[in-house]
Amino acid sequence: MNPSSPLDKLVYLNLPEDMDLSAYKIQIEPNIPLPVQKPDDGDFDVSQLTPEMFFAGILVVLAYDSKNQHIDYYRSLLVKAKPNIKQELTEAAILKSRNEDFDIAEEIFRALHGLDPEDMLVTLNTAIFFDQRADSYRKSGLIDDADTYDNYADKLYTQIMDSDNAPADVYFNAGFFFLKQKNFPKGKEYFETYLALTCDISDKDLGENGQYKRQRAQEIVQDINNRNLEDEQFKAAYDYINSGQEEKGLEEIRKFLEKNPKVWNAWFMLGWGLRRIQRWKEARDAFLQSIECGSTEPDTLNELAICYMELGEFDESRRCLVEALSLEPENTKYISNLGYLSLKQGNPQEARRYFLTVLEFDPQDKIAAKILEELE
């Protein structure tokens, strides 16, 4: 067990004989102790125990101890005592996620999954949350953490689609997830599956949101076809560059560009690979070509800004970052880069303001906190 695991804060106790359980329709097994969380201060007064403290302990077990020998009993006890617990937890998890209170949201999602491992909607919501958390880490420049949560999401999407009752929406969400991974063949496959599963449903029955999803899926499949993004060289280039084999990746993406010279995604990938090995001028030119071929992505502007910054073209760098930020005003990666630009221009006070802004949006940003500490 990890020393910092929430399970370390649990103790297992028998219910006091005088505890009033009249409000709950539950049958207690006297020989099975129940989990309860120890207070943060370590002081533990058995006389102050309440049923809610045991229920909170059960949620911790569901979230972090799926192999617990009594988990089925704990699960049934909680459901009988609180019949609406799944809905309440789902609403709380989604609210915490929207507010980017990620640690609490993750604990609730894990408890939900432990409460009903077979509920594919719970698993889908958890996969979407992991995907969103990965995006948040990536925006903050925490690439390793982002990759970790991408892997969590990947496993859950795969688990759902391997089941016999995967809902259509999971394929729609998974399609976007794999597009983000630059896995266009798999992304296209899942969008096509979504379209196949909904093709016999009328617009009326789909509703406004369903109609939007169907139209969006059709547009994405057509775009992938038109840009030839299923090409194996494109996927190979991404895999090579992402794994640190930039030269091999650059070789593959150049072969792709020989056949598809107008695909902005390919020019972006070329620039990305070149930027990673600090070939700033070539990377700059590739990102400019990506924009020329139609890229309107703020990430393209951000990457271009990094190249301009390293080449000493500070005005152009700032222009790109300001434009990127106008498209995504809360993206801490762009705000951080404005801070780095200010440092390069010899303006530490301005840089400090940018990094303080980063912490306002994301108090957990360790890089911004470290730089602010160095600026003191």
Protein backbone atom coordinates (compact mmCIF):
# COMPACT_ATOMS: atom_id res chain seq x y z
CA MET A 1 0.00 0.00 0.00
CA ASN A 2 1.22 3.47 -0.85
CA PRO A 3 2.13 5.31 2.37
CA SER A 4 0.14 8.34 1.20
CA SER A 5 -2.91 6.28 0.23
CA PRO A 6 -6.29 7.46 1.57
CA LEU A 7 -6.68 3.91 2.88
CA ASP A 8 -4.07 4.73 5.52
CA LYS A 9 -6.59 7.06 7.15
CA LEU A 10 -9.14 4.27 7.69
CA VAL A 11 -9.75 2.26 10.80
CA TYR A 12 -12.18 -0.66 10.97
CA LEU A 13 -14.64 -0.71 13.84
CA ASN A 14 -17.82 -2.44 14.90
CA LEU A 15 -20.88 -0.25 15.16
CA PRO A 16 -21.56 0.91 18.71
CA GLU A 17 -24.58 -0.91 20.12
CA ASP A 18 -26.36 2.33 20.92
CA MET A 19 -25.99 3.83 17.41
CA ASP A 20 -29.39 4.81 15.98
CA LEU A 21 -29.89 3.34 12.51
CA SER A 22 -33.66 3.77 12.37
CA ALA A 23 -33.37 6.19 9.45
CA TYR A 24 -31.74 3.50 7.28
CA LYS A 25 -33.21 0.22 6.04
CA ILE A 26 -30.07 -1.81 6.57
CA GLN A 27 -29.09 -5.03 8.26
CA ILE A 28 -25.69 -4.91 9.92
CA GLU A 29 -23.45 -7.97 10.01
CA PRO A 30 -22.04 -7.81 13.55
CA ASN A 31 -18.93 -9.84 12.67
CA ILE A 32 -17.79 -7.52 9.86
CA PRO A 33 -16.15 -4.28 11.00
CA LEU A 34 -16.91 -1.12 9.05
CA PRO A 35 -14.38 1.46 7.77
CA VAL A 36 -14.31 4.97 9.16
CA GLN A 37 -11.90 7.82 8.41
CA LYS A 38 -9.63 9.06 11.14
CA PRO A 39 -9.75 12.84 11.76
CA ASP A 40 -6.89 14.92 10.36
CA ASP A 41 -5.70 15.78 13.87
CA GLY A 42 -5.44 12.10 14.76
CA ASP A 43 -7.77 12.37 17.77
CA PHE A 44 -10.40 9.67 17.58
CA ASP A 45 -13.41 9.67 19.91
CA VAL A 46 -15.53 6.55 19.43
CA SER A 47 -18.41 8.17 21.29
CA GLN A 48 -18.73 10.75 18.50
CA LEU A 49 -19.14 8.23 15.67
CA THR A 50 -22.09 8.72 13.31
CA PRO A 51 -23.50 6.51 10.52
CA GLU A 52 -22.34 9.11 7.97
CA MET A 53 -18.75 8.60 9.05
CA PHE A 54 -19.02 4.90 8.24
CA PHE A 55 -20.63 5.64 4.88
CA ALA A 56 -17.77 8.02 4.06
CA GLY A 57 -15.32 5.27 4.97
CA ILE A 58 -17.11 2.85 2.66
CA LEU A 59 -16.73 5.33 -0.22
CA VAL A 60 -12.97 5.39 0.36
CA VAL A 61 -12.87 1.59 0.21
CA LEU A 62 -14.90 1.59 -3.01
CA ALA A 63 -12.54 4.14 -4.54
CA TYR A 64 -9.19 2.63 -3.57
CA ASP A 65 -9.58 -0.97 -2.38
CA SER A 66 -11.43 -2.97 -5.04
CA LYS A 67 -9.90 -6.22 -3.69
CA ASN A 68 -11.30 -5.74 -0.19
CA GLN A 69 -12.79 -9.05 0.97
CA HIS A 70 -15.96 -7.35 2.23
CA ILE A 71 -16.50 -4.95 -0.67
CA ASP A 72 -19.75 -6.57 -1.83
CA TYR A 73 -21.19 -6.20 1.67
CA TYR A 74 -20.05 -2.58 1.94
CA ARG A 75 -21.47 -1.83 -1.51
CA SER A 76 -24.88 -3.32 -0.70
CA LEU A 77 -24.98 -1.58 2.67
CA LEU A 78 -24.39 1.82 1.11
CA VAL A 79 -26.96 1.32 -1.68
CA LYS A 80 -29.64 0.17 0.79
CA ALA A 81 -28.95 3.04 3.17
CA LYS A 82 -28.80 5.64 0.39
CA PRO A 83 -30.83 4.52 -2.65
CA ASN A 84 -30.01 7.73 -4.57
CA ILE A 85 -26.29 7.60 -3.85
CA LYS A 86 -25.24 6.97 -7.45
CA GLN A 87 -27.11 10.01 -8.79
CA GLU A 88 -25.88 12.20 -5.94
CA LEU A 89 -22.27 11.17 -6.46
CA THR A 90 -22.49 11.59 -10.24
CA GLU A 91 -23.83 15.14 -9.92
CA ALA A 92 -21.15 15.99 -7.35
CA ALA A 93 -18.34 14.53 -9.48
CA ILE A 94 -19.41 16.39 -12.61
CA LEU A 95 -19.73 19.67 -10.67
CA LYS A 96 -16.27 19.25 -9.13
CA SER A 97 -14.83 18.43 -12.55
CA ARG A 98 -16.37 21.53 -14.13
CA ASN A 99 -14.90 23.63 -11.32
CA GLU A 100 -11.52 21.92 -11.95
CA ASP A 101 -11.47 20.59 -8.39
CA PHE A 102 -9.83 17.55 -9.91
CA ASP A 103 -8.59 15.67 -6.84
CA ILE A 104 -12.02 15.50 -5.21
CA ALA A 105 -13.71 14.79 -8.56
CA GLU A 106 -11.34 11.88 -9.17
CA GLU A 107 -12.02 10.38 -5.75
CA ILE A 108 -15.77 10.57 -6.37
CA PHE A 109 -15.48 9.04 -9.85
CA ARG A 110 -13.35 6.22 -8.44
CA ALA A 111 -15.94 5.61 -5.71
CA LEU A 112 -18.71 5.56 -8.32
CA HIS A 113 -16.80 2.99 -10.35
CA GLY A 114 -16.30 0.89 -7.24
CA LEU A 115 -19.99 1.22 -6.39
CA ASP A 116 -21.11 -0.19 -9.75
CA PRO A 117 -18.23 -1.47 -11.93
CA GLU A 118 -20.68 -2.73 -14.57
CA ASP A 119 -22.35 0.63 -15.17
CA MET A 120 -20.98 1.71 -18.56
CA LEU A 121 -22.28 5.27 -18.14
CA VAL A 122 -20.23 5.65 -14.96
CA THR A 123 -17.19 4.24 -16.76
CA LEU A 124 -17.76 6.62 -19.69
CA ASN A 125 -18.07 9.65 -17.40
CA THR A 126 -14.85 8.59 -15.66
CA ALA A 127 -13.04 8.20 -18.99
CA ILE A 128 -14.21 11.67 -20.06
CA PHE A 129 -12.99 13.08 -16.74
CA PHE A 130 -9.55 11.46 -17.13
CA ASP A 131 -9.40 12.86 -20.67
CA GLN A 132 -10.25 16.36 -19.40
CA ARG A 133 -7.69 16.11 -16.60
CA ALA A 134 -5.05 15.10 -19.13
CA ASP A 135 -5.91 18.18 -21.21
CA SER A 136 -5.59 20.39 -18.14
CA TYR A 137 -2.16 18.97 -17.31
CA ARG A 138 -1.03 19.36 -20.92
CA LYS A 139 -2.11 23.02 -20.96
CA SER A 140 0.03 23.53 -17.86
CA GLY A 141 3.02 21.90 -19.55
CA LEU A 142 2.90 18.81 -17.28
CA ILE A 143 3.31 16.36 -20.12
CA ASP A 144 4.12 13.25 -18.06
CA ASP A 145 1.04 13.73 -15.89
CA ALA A 146 -1.05 14.34 -19.01
CA ASP A 147 0.21 11.11 -20.58
CA THR A 148 -0.63 9.19 -17.40
CA TYR A 149 -4.24 10.35 -17.46
CA ASP A 150 -4.49 9.76 -21.20
CA ASN A 151 -3.50 6.15 -20.48
CA TYR A 152 -6.20 5.91 -17.79
CA ALA A 153 -8.79 7.21 -20.25
CA ASP A 154 -7.58 4.87 -23.01
CA LYS A 155 -8.01 1.82 -20.75
CA LEU A 156 -11.53 2.83 -19.76
CA TYR A 157 -12.64 3.56 -23.34
CA THR A 158 -11.26 0.17 -24.37
CA GLN A 159 -13.04 -1.51 -21.45
CA ILE A 160 -16.37 0.00 -22.47
CA MET A 161 -16.02 -0.88 -26.13
CA ASP A 162 -15.05 -4.45 -25.27
CA SER A 163 -18.33 -4.85 -23.39
CA ASP A 164 -21.55 -6.13 -24.93
CA ASN A 165 -23.61 -3.04 -24.13
CA ALA A 166 -21.46 -0.06 -25.06
CA PRO A 167 -23.71 2.99 -25.70
CA ALA A 168 -23.33 4.84 -28.99
CA ASP A 169 -22.08 8.00 -27.27
CA VAL A 170 -18.95 6.22 -26.08
CA TYR A 171 -17.78 5.84 -29.68
CA PHE A 172 -18.37 9.55 -30.30
CA ASN A 173 -16.30 10.54 -27.26
CA ALA A 174 -13.62 7.94 -27.98
CA GLY A 175 -13.36 9.28 -31.53
CA PHE A 176 -12.32 12.70 -30.22
CA PHE A 177 -9.98 11.12 -27.70
CA PHE A 178 -8.05 9.29 -30.42
CA LEU A 179 -8.03 12.34 -32.70
CA LYS A 180 -6.22 14.13 -29.88
CA GLN A 181 -3.69 11.27 -29.91
CA LYS A 182 -3.24 11.85 -33.66
CA ASN A 183 -4.54 8.31 -34.16
CA PHE A 184 -6.75 9.25 -37.09
CA PRO A 185 -7.47 5.68 -38.30
CA LYS A 186 -8.87 4.67 -34.91
CA GLY A 187 -10.65 8.00 -34.48
CA LYS A 188 -12.32 7.58 -37.86
CA GLU A 189 -13.27 3.99 -37.03
CA TYR A 190 -15.08 5.07 -33.87
CA PHE A 191 -16.90 7.97 -35.55
CA GLU A 192 -18.02 5.57 -38.28
CA THR A 193 -19.22 3.14 -35.61
CA TYR A 194 -21.18 5.95 -33.96
CA LEU A 195 -22.79 6.79 -37.29
CA ALA A 196 -23.66 3.14 -37.91
CA LEU A 197 -25.25 2.78 -34.47
CA THR A 198 -27.39 5.90 -34.94
CA CYS A 199 -28.20 5.66 -38.65
CA ASP A 200 -31.67 4.17 -38.09
CA ILE A 201 -32.64 6.71 -35.43
CA SER A 202 -34.81 9.58 -36.66
CA ASP A 203 -33.77 13.19 -36.13
CA LYS A 204 -36.72 13.60 -33.78
CA ASP A 205 -35.68 10.69 -31.60
CA LEU A 206 -32.02 11.77 -31.64
CA GLY A 207 -32.87 15.23 -30.41
CA GLU A 208 -30.92 18.41 -31.05
CA ASN A 209 -27.74 17.21 -29.33
CA GLY A 210 -27.81 13.86 -31.12
CA GLN A 211 -28.31 15.55 -34.49
CA TYR A 212 -25.30 17.77 -33.79
CA LYS A 213 -23.17 14.74 -32.91
CA ARG A 214 -24.19 12.89 -36.05
CA GLN A 215 -23.42 15.87 -38.27
CA ARG A 216 -20.10 16.45 -36.49
CA ALA A 217 -19.10 12.80 -36.86
CA GLN A 218 -19.90 12.92 -40.59
CA GLU A 219 -17.81 16.09 -41.03
CA ILE A 220 -14.82 14.58 -39.21
CA VAL A 221 -14.89 11.35 -41.21
CA GLN A 222 -15.05 13.35 -44.44
CA ASP A 223 -12.20 15.63 -43.31
CA ILE A 224 -10.00 12.64 -42.44
CA ASN A 225 -10.70 11.18 -45.88
CA ASN A 226 -10.07 14.46 -47.69
CA ARG A 227 -6.75 15.05 -45.90
CA ASN A 228 -5.62 11.45 -46.17
CA LEU A 229 -4.95 11.46 -42.42
CA GLU A 230 -5.33 7.68 -42.21
CA ASP A 231 -2.00 7.33 -43.99
CA GLU A 232 0.32 5.07 -42.01
CA GLN A 233 3.22 7.51 -42.46
CA PHE A 234 1.27 10.22 -40.64
CA LYS A 235 0.56 7.97 -37.64
CA ALA A 236 4.13 6.62 -37.66
CA ALA A 237 5.52 10.18 -37.68
CA TYR A 238 3.48 11.09 -34.60
CA ASP A 239 4.47 7.92 -32.74
CA TYR A 240 8.17 8.45 -33.49
CA ILE A 241 8.20 12.11 -32.47
CA ASN A 242 6.10 11.51 -29.36
CA SER A 243 8.49 8.75 -28.22
CA GLY A 244 11.59 10.92 -28.67
CA GLN A 245 12.70 9.56 -32.06
CA GLU A 246 12.36 12.89 -33.80
CA GLU A 247 14.62 12.22 -36.78
CA LYS A 248 12.64 9.10 -37.76
CA GLY A 249 9.41 11.04 -37.29
CA LEU A 250 10.62 13.90 -39.47
CA GLU A 251 11.56 11.45 -42.19
CA GLU A 252 8.05 9.94 -42.14
CA ILE A 253 6.18 13.25 -42.11
CA ARG A 254 8.27 14.59 -45.01
CA LYS A 255 7.33 11.52 -47.05
CA PHE A 256 3.69 12.21 -46.21
CA LEU A 257 4.03 15.87 -47.25
CA GLU A 258 5.47 14.87 -50.62
CA LYS A 259 2.10 13.26 -51.38
CA ASN A 260 -0.08 15.68 -49.36
CA PRO A 261 1.54 19.14 -49.46
CA LYS A 262 -1.60 21.07 -48.43
CA VAL A 263 -2.39 19.28 -45.16
CA TRP A 264 -1.91 21.76 -42.32
CA ASN A 265 -1.78 18.97 -39.70
CA ALA A 266 1.30 17.54 -41.40
CA TRP A 267 3.10 20.88 -41.50
CA PHE A 268 2.26 21.30 -37.81
CA MET A 269 3.76 17.89 -37.03
CA LEU A 270 6.88 18.76 -39.02
CA GLY A 271 7.24 21.98 -37.03
CA TRP A 272 6.61 20.14 -33.76
CA GLY A 273 9.35 17.62 -34.47
CA LEU A 274 11.81 20.32 -35.52
CA ARG A 275 10.97 22.46 -32.49
CA ARG A 276 11.66 19.52 -30.16
CA ILE A 277 15.22 19.27 -31.47
CA GLN A 278 15.64 23.06 -31.38
CA ARG A 279 15.86 23.67 -35.12
CA TRP A 280 14.04 26.92 -34.56
CA LYS A 281 14.16 28.51 -38.04
CA GLU A 282 12.95 25.39 -39.83
CA ALA A 283 10.27 24.86 -37.20
CA ARG A 284 9.11 28.47 -37.55
CA ASP A 285 8.78 28.08 -41.31
CA ALA A 286 6.84 24.82 -40.91
CA PHE A 287 4.34 26.41 -38.51
CA LEU A 288 3.92 29.38 -40.84
CA GLN A 289 3.20 26.91 -43.65
CA SER A 290 0.66 25.15 -41.41
CA ILE A 291 -1.19 28.44 -40.99
CA GLU A 292 -0.92 29.09 -44.74
CA CYS A 293 -2.58 25.71 -45.35
CA GLY A 294 -5.50 26.50 -43.09
CA SER A 295 -4.61 25.94 -39.44
CA THR A 296 -6.62 28.15 -37.12
CA GLU A 297 -5.55 26.26 -33.98
CA PRO A 298 -4.23 28.33 -31.06
CA ASP A 299 -1.63 25.61 -30.46
CA THR A 300 -0.10 26.40 -33.85
CA LEU A 301 0.24 30.03 -32.80
CA ASN A 302 1.74 28.97 -29.48
CA GLU A 303 4.33 26.73 -31.13
CA LEU A 304 5.18 29.48 -33.60
CA ALA A 305 5.55 31.91 -30.69
CA ILE A 306 8.09 29.60 -29.02
CA CYS A 307 10.17 29.57 -32.21
CA TYR A 308 10.03 33.35 -32.55
CA MET A 309 11.01 33.67 -28.87
CA GLU A 310 14.08 31.46 -29.31
CA LEU A 311 15.06 33.36 -32.45
CA GLY A 312 14.89 36.69 -30.60
CA GLU A 313 11.85 37.89 -32.58
CA PHE A 314 10.04 38.99 -29.43
CA ASP A 315 7.37 41.23 -30.98
CA GLU A 316 6.21 38.42 -33.28
CA SER A 317 6.26 35.98 -30.38
CA ARG A 318 4.06 38.24 -28.26
CA ARG A 319 1.66 38.81 -31.15
CA CYS A 320 1.18 35.06 -31.60
CA LEU A 321 0.70 34.41 -27.89
CA VAL A 322 -1.82 37.23 -27.50
CA GLU A 323 -3.76 35.88 -30.48
CA ALA A 324 -3.66 32.33 -29.08
CA LEU A 325 -4.86 33.61 -25.71
CA SER A 326 -7.75 35.46 -27.36
CA LEU A 327 -8.93 32.10 -28.67
CA GLU A 328 -8.43 30.28 -25.34
CA PRO A 329 -8.37 32.95 -22.60
CA GLU A 330 -7.81 30.51 -19.72
CA ASN A 331 -5.05 28.40 -21.27
CA THR A 332 -2.27 28.55 -18.70
CA LYS A 333 0.29 27.24 -21.18
CA TYR A 334 -0.04 30.41 -23.26
CA ILE A 335 0.01 32.63 -20.16
CA SER A 336 3.16 30.87 -18.93
CA ASN A 337 4.85 31.43 -22.28
CA LEU A 338 4.07 35.14 -22.01
CA GLY A 339 5.84 34.97 -18.65
CA TYR A 340 8.87 33.28 -20.21
CA LEU A 341 8.87 35.91 -22.96
CA SER A 342 8.89 38.68 -20.37
CA LEU A 343 11.86 37.04 -18.65
CA LYS A 344 13.75 36.84 -21.95
CA GLN A 345 13.05 40.54 -22.48
CA GLY A 346 14.46 41.35 -19.04
CA ASN A 347 11.14 42.25 -17.40
CA PRO A 348 10.83 40.05 -14.27
CA GLN A 349 8.00 42.10 -12.75
CA GLU A 350 5.82 41.59 -15.80
CA ALA A 351 6.78 37.89 -15.83
CA ARG A 352 5.76 37.62 -12.18
CA ARG A 353 2.28 38.95 -12.99
CA TYR A 354 1.84 36.34 -15.71
CA PHE A 355 2.90 33.46 -13.47
CA LEU A 356 0.65 34.72 -10.68
CA THR A 357 -2.21 34.65 -13.19
CA VAL A 358 -1.32 31.06 -14.02
CA LEU A 359 -1.67 30.14 -10.33
CA GLU A 360 -5.02 31.91 -10.15
CA PHE A 361 -6.32 29.57 -12.85
CA ASP A 362 -4.38 26.54 -11.66
CA PRO A 363 -3.11 26.67 -8.06
CA GLN A 364 -1.45 23.26 -8.57
CA ASP A 365 0.89 24.48 -11.35
CA LYS A 366 4.27 23.51 -9.91
CA ILE A 367 6.33 25.13 -12.66
CA ALA A 368 4.74 28.56 -12.19
CA ALA A 369 5.14 28.25 -8.41
CA LYS A 370 8.83 27.37 -8.78
CA ILE A 371 9.54 30.31 -11.10
CA LEU A 372 7.74 32.72 -8.75
CA GLU A 373 9.86 31.40 -5.88
CA GLU A 374 13.01 32.06 -7.94
CA LEU A 375 11.80 35.60 -8.71
CA GLU A 376 11.43 36.49 -5.02
